[in-house]
Amino acid sequence: MKNSVLLLRGINVGGHGKLPMADLANILTSLGAADVRTYIQSGNAVFEGNLNPENIANIIEINKGFRPCVLLLSAENFKAIAAATPVPDAIGNQLHIWFVAEPFQFDHITSDTLRKPSERISVTSKAIYLHAPDGIGRSKLAEKIERLAGVDCTARNLNTVNKILGMIG
């Protein structure tokens, strides 16, 4: 079996979309995943198996009453996105990677008007990288990235990406 990486968007934020990681692990196991490992409460999991993201979203909706955005990547794809980081020596909480659910056309013109001079953005076909050394919470660009991509995506900072890489092995 191959390793897969699951990233959920918008769970356990501000009292909304509550999904304990033990419940997520049970859901994944019930769908046929093996060796499920989760990391922090923001919907990160690594497991062996090949699941359908739509099935995961359906089961969460049935059991928890909300439907999260589910991104499912092969371990190889996750590693390749991480390796393509344009600022590999960035401090882990200053570089965020938006993992993208499907092909997209990024609005570079609007992005350029929102980007601070200290920020660096890089867009590939599978991810959007934003280095925000002044802090992601102060970035007008960060809050608009999903809208600029026009598709579902979810972000993880470099610290979290590195933890997930360690879980993959």
Protein backbone atom coordinates (compact mmCIF):
# COMPACT_ATOMS: atom_id res chain seq x y z
CA MET A 1 0.00 0.00 0.00
CA LYS A 2 1.08 3.55 -0.62
CA ASN A 3 1.16 6.46 1.80
CA SER A 4 -1.37 9.23 1.32
CA VAL A 5 -1.54 12.68 2.89
CA LEU A 6 -4.90 14.16 3.88
CA LEU A 7 -5.32 17.90 4.43
CA LEU A 8 -8.66 19.29 5.60
CA ARG A 9 -9.51 22.98 5.41
CA GLY A 10 -11.41 24.91 8.03
CA ILE A 11 -11.81 22.41 10.83
CA ASN A 12 -11.46 23.17 14.55
CA VAL A 13 -11.27 26.91 13.88
CA GLY A 14 -13.07 29.31 16.20
CA GLY A 15 -15.44 26.67 17.50
CA HIS A 16 -16.62 25.72 14.01
CA GLY A 17 -16.16 22.46 12.19
CA LYS A 18 -15.24 20.47 15.28
CA LEU A 19 -13.49 17.24 14.40
CA PRO A 20 -11.24 15.62 16.98
CA MET A 21 -8.29 13.87 15.36
CA ALA A 22 -9.25 10.56 17.01
CA ASP A 23 -12.60 10.80 15.19
CA LEU A 24 -10.83 11.60 11.92
CA ALA A 25 -8.55 8.58 12.38
CA ASN A 26 -11.61 6.37 13.03
CA ILE A 27 -13.35 7.72 9.90
CA LEU A 28 -10.30 7.03 7.75
CA THR A 29 -9.92 3.54 9.21
CA SER A 30 -13.61 2.80 8.58
CA LEU A 31 -13.06 3.68 4.92
CA GLY A 32 -10.13 1.25 4.62
CA ALA A 33 -7.07 3.28 5.60
CA ALA A 34 -4.33 1.60 7.60
CA ASP A 35 -1.66 2.99 9.94
CA VAL A 36 -3.44 6.36 10.32
CA ARG A 37 -1.36 9.09 11.95
CA THR A 38 -2.61 12.62 12.62
CA TYR A 39 -0.80 15.84 13.41
CA ILE A 40 -2.27 18.71 15.44
CA GLN A 41 -5.95 19.60 15.38
CA SER A 42 -6.09 21.25 11.97
CA GLY A 43 -6.85 18.17 9.88
CA ASN A 44 -3.56 16.62 8.86
CA ALA A 45 -3.25 12.87 8.45
CA VAL A 46 -0.91 10.37 6.86
CA PHE A 47 -2.10 6.84 6.18
CA GLU A 48 -1.60 3.80 4.04
CA GLY A 49 -4.22 3.29 1.40
CA ASN A 50 -5.99 4.94 -1.46
CA LEU A 51 -9.24 6.62 -0.38
CA ASN A 52 -11.71 8.80 -2.25
CA PRO A 53 -11.82 12.42 -1.00
CA GLU A 54 -15.55 12.65 -1.75
CA ASN A 55 -16.22 9.65 0.51
CA ILE A 56 -14.20 11.25 3.31
CA ALA A 57 -16.18 14.49 3.01
CA ASN A 58 -19.48 12.57 2.92
CA ILE A 59 -18.72 10.59 6.10
CA ILE A 60 -17.60 13.72 7.97
CA GLU A 61 -20.78 15.50 6.90
CA ILE A 62 -22.96 12.58 8.01
CA ASN A 63 -21.18 12.15 11.35
CA LYS A 64 -20.29 15.75 12.23
CA GLY A 65 -22.83 17.91 10.41
CA PHE A 66 -20.44 19.90 8.21
CA ARG A 67 -18.60 19.25 4.97
CA PRO A 68 -14.92 20.21 4.91
CA CYS A 69 -12.75 20.78 1.91
CA VAL A 70 -10.74 17.57 1.55
CA LEU A 71 -7.41 17.49 -0.24
CA LEU A 72 -5.84 14.10 -0.69
CA LEU A 73 -2.33 13.77 -2.08
CA SER A 74 0.00 10.88 -2.65
CA ALA A 75 3.06 10.97 -0.41
CA GLU A 76 5.19 11.44 -3.54
CA ASN A 77 3.14 14.45 -4.65
CA PHE A 78 3.29 16.00 -1.15
CA LYS A 79 7.07 15.50 -1.07
CA ALA A 80 7.48 17.07 -4.52
CA ILE A 81 5.44 20.13 -3.52
CA ALA A 82 7.50 20.51 -0.34
CA ALA A 83 10.77 20.10 -2.26
CA ALA A 84 9.75 22.84 -4.71
CA THR A 85 9.71 25.41 -1.91
CA PRO A 86 11.26 28.57 -3.37
CA VAL A 87 12.66 29.72 0.01
CA PRO A 88 14.03 26.51 1.57
CA ASP A 89 15.86 28.37 4.34
CA ALA A 90 12.75 30.31 5.45
CA ILE A 91 11.69 30.35 9.06
CA GLY A 92 8.93 27.77 9.30
CA ASN A 93 6.07 30.06 10.27
CA GLN A 94 6.95 32.67 7.64
CA LEU A 95 6.50 30.40 4.61
CA HIS A 96 3.06 29.01 3.83
CA ILE A 97 2.14 26.56 1.11
CA TRP A 98 -1.38 26.47 -0.31
CA PHE A 99 -2.09 22.98 -1.60
CA VAL A 100 -4.49 23.23 -4.55
CA ALA A 101 -7.32 20.81 -5.26
CA GLU A 102 -7.47 21.15 -9.04
CA PRO A 103 -5.96 23.03 -12.00
CA PHE A 104 -6.30 26.80 -11.67
CA GLN A 105 -5.49 30.15 -13.19
CA PHE A 106 -3.93 32.48 -10.61
CA ASP A 107 -4.76 36.20 -10.70
CA HIS A 108 -1.22 37.59 -10.71
CA ILE A 109 -2.34 41.16 -11.44
CA THR A 110 -4.42 41.44 -8.26
CA SER A 111 -1.76 39.52 -6.35
CA ASP A 112 0.84 42.11 -7.28
CA THR A 113 -1.36 44.92 -5.95
CA LEU A 114 -1.81 43.15 -2.59
CA ARG A 115 1.75 41.91 -2.09
CA LYS A 116 3.97 43.81 0.33
CA PRO A 117 7.51 44.56 -0.87
CA SER A 118 8.88 42.11 1.72
CA GLU A 119 6.65 39.26 0.51
CA ARG A 120 7.57 36.72 -2.10
CA ILE A 121 5.00 34.58 -3.91
CA SER A 122 5.60 31.66 -6.22
CA VAL A 123 2.86 29.83 -8.08
CA THR A 124 3.16 26.37 -9.62
CA SER A 125 0.53 24.08 -11.11
CA LYS A 126 0.08 22.27 -7.78
CA ALA A 127 0.76 24.84 -5.07
CA ILE A 128 1.11 28.48 -4.11
CA TYR A 129 4.02 29.49 -1.88
CA LEU A 130 3.99 32.72 0.12
CA HIS A 131 6.97 33.90 2.10
CA ALA A 132 5.71 36.59 4.48
CA PRO A 133 8.59 37.57 6.79
CA ASP A 134 6.47 40.28 8.47
CA GLY A 135 3.94 37.62 9.52
CA ILE A 136 1.16 35.83 7.69
CA GLY A 137 -1.46 37.56 9.84
CA ARG A 138 -0.34 40.93 8.51
CA SER A 139 -0.46 39.87 4.88
CA LYS A 140 -3.34 41.18 2.76
CA LEU A 141 -2.24 38.78 0.06
CA ALA A 142 -2.46 35.70 2.32
CA GLU A 143 -6.12 36.26 3.13
CA LYS A 144 -7.00 36.45 -0.59
CA ILE A 145 -4.97 33.58 -2.03
CA GLU A 146 -7.84 31.12 -2.38
CA ARG A 147 -9.95 33.75 -4.14
CA LEU A 148 -7.03 34.61 -6.44
CA ALA A 149 -6.63 30.92 -7.32
CA GLY A 150 -10.36 30.45 -7.89
CA VAL A 151 -10.33 26.87 -6.56
CA ASP A 152 -10.37 25.12 -3.20
CA CYS A 153 -7.03 25.08 -1.45
CA THR A 154 -5.67 24.86 2.07
CA ALA A 155 -2.49 26.29 3.54
CA ARG A 156 0.11 24.82 5.87
CA ASN A 157 3.16 26.59 7.19
CA LEU A 158 6.60 25.11 6.59
CA ASN A 159 6.81 23.81 10.18
CA THR A 160 3.68 21.72 9.64
CA VAL A 161 4.81 20.58 6.19
CA ASN A 162 8.09 19.37 7.69
CA LYS A 163 6.24 17.48 10.46
CA ILE A 164 4.06 15.76 7.86
CA LEU A 165 7.15 14.89 5.82
CA GLY A 166 8.55 13.24 8.95
CA MET A 167 5.33 11.23 9.34
CA ILE A 168 5.60 9.98 5.76
CA GLY A 169 9.11 8.72 6.43
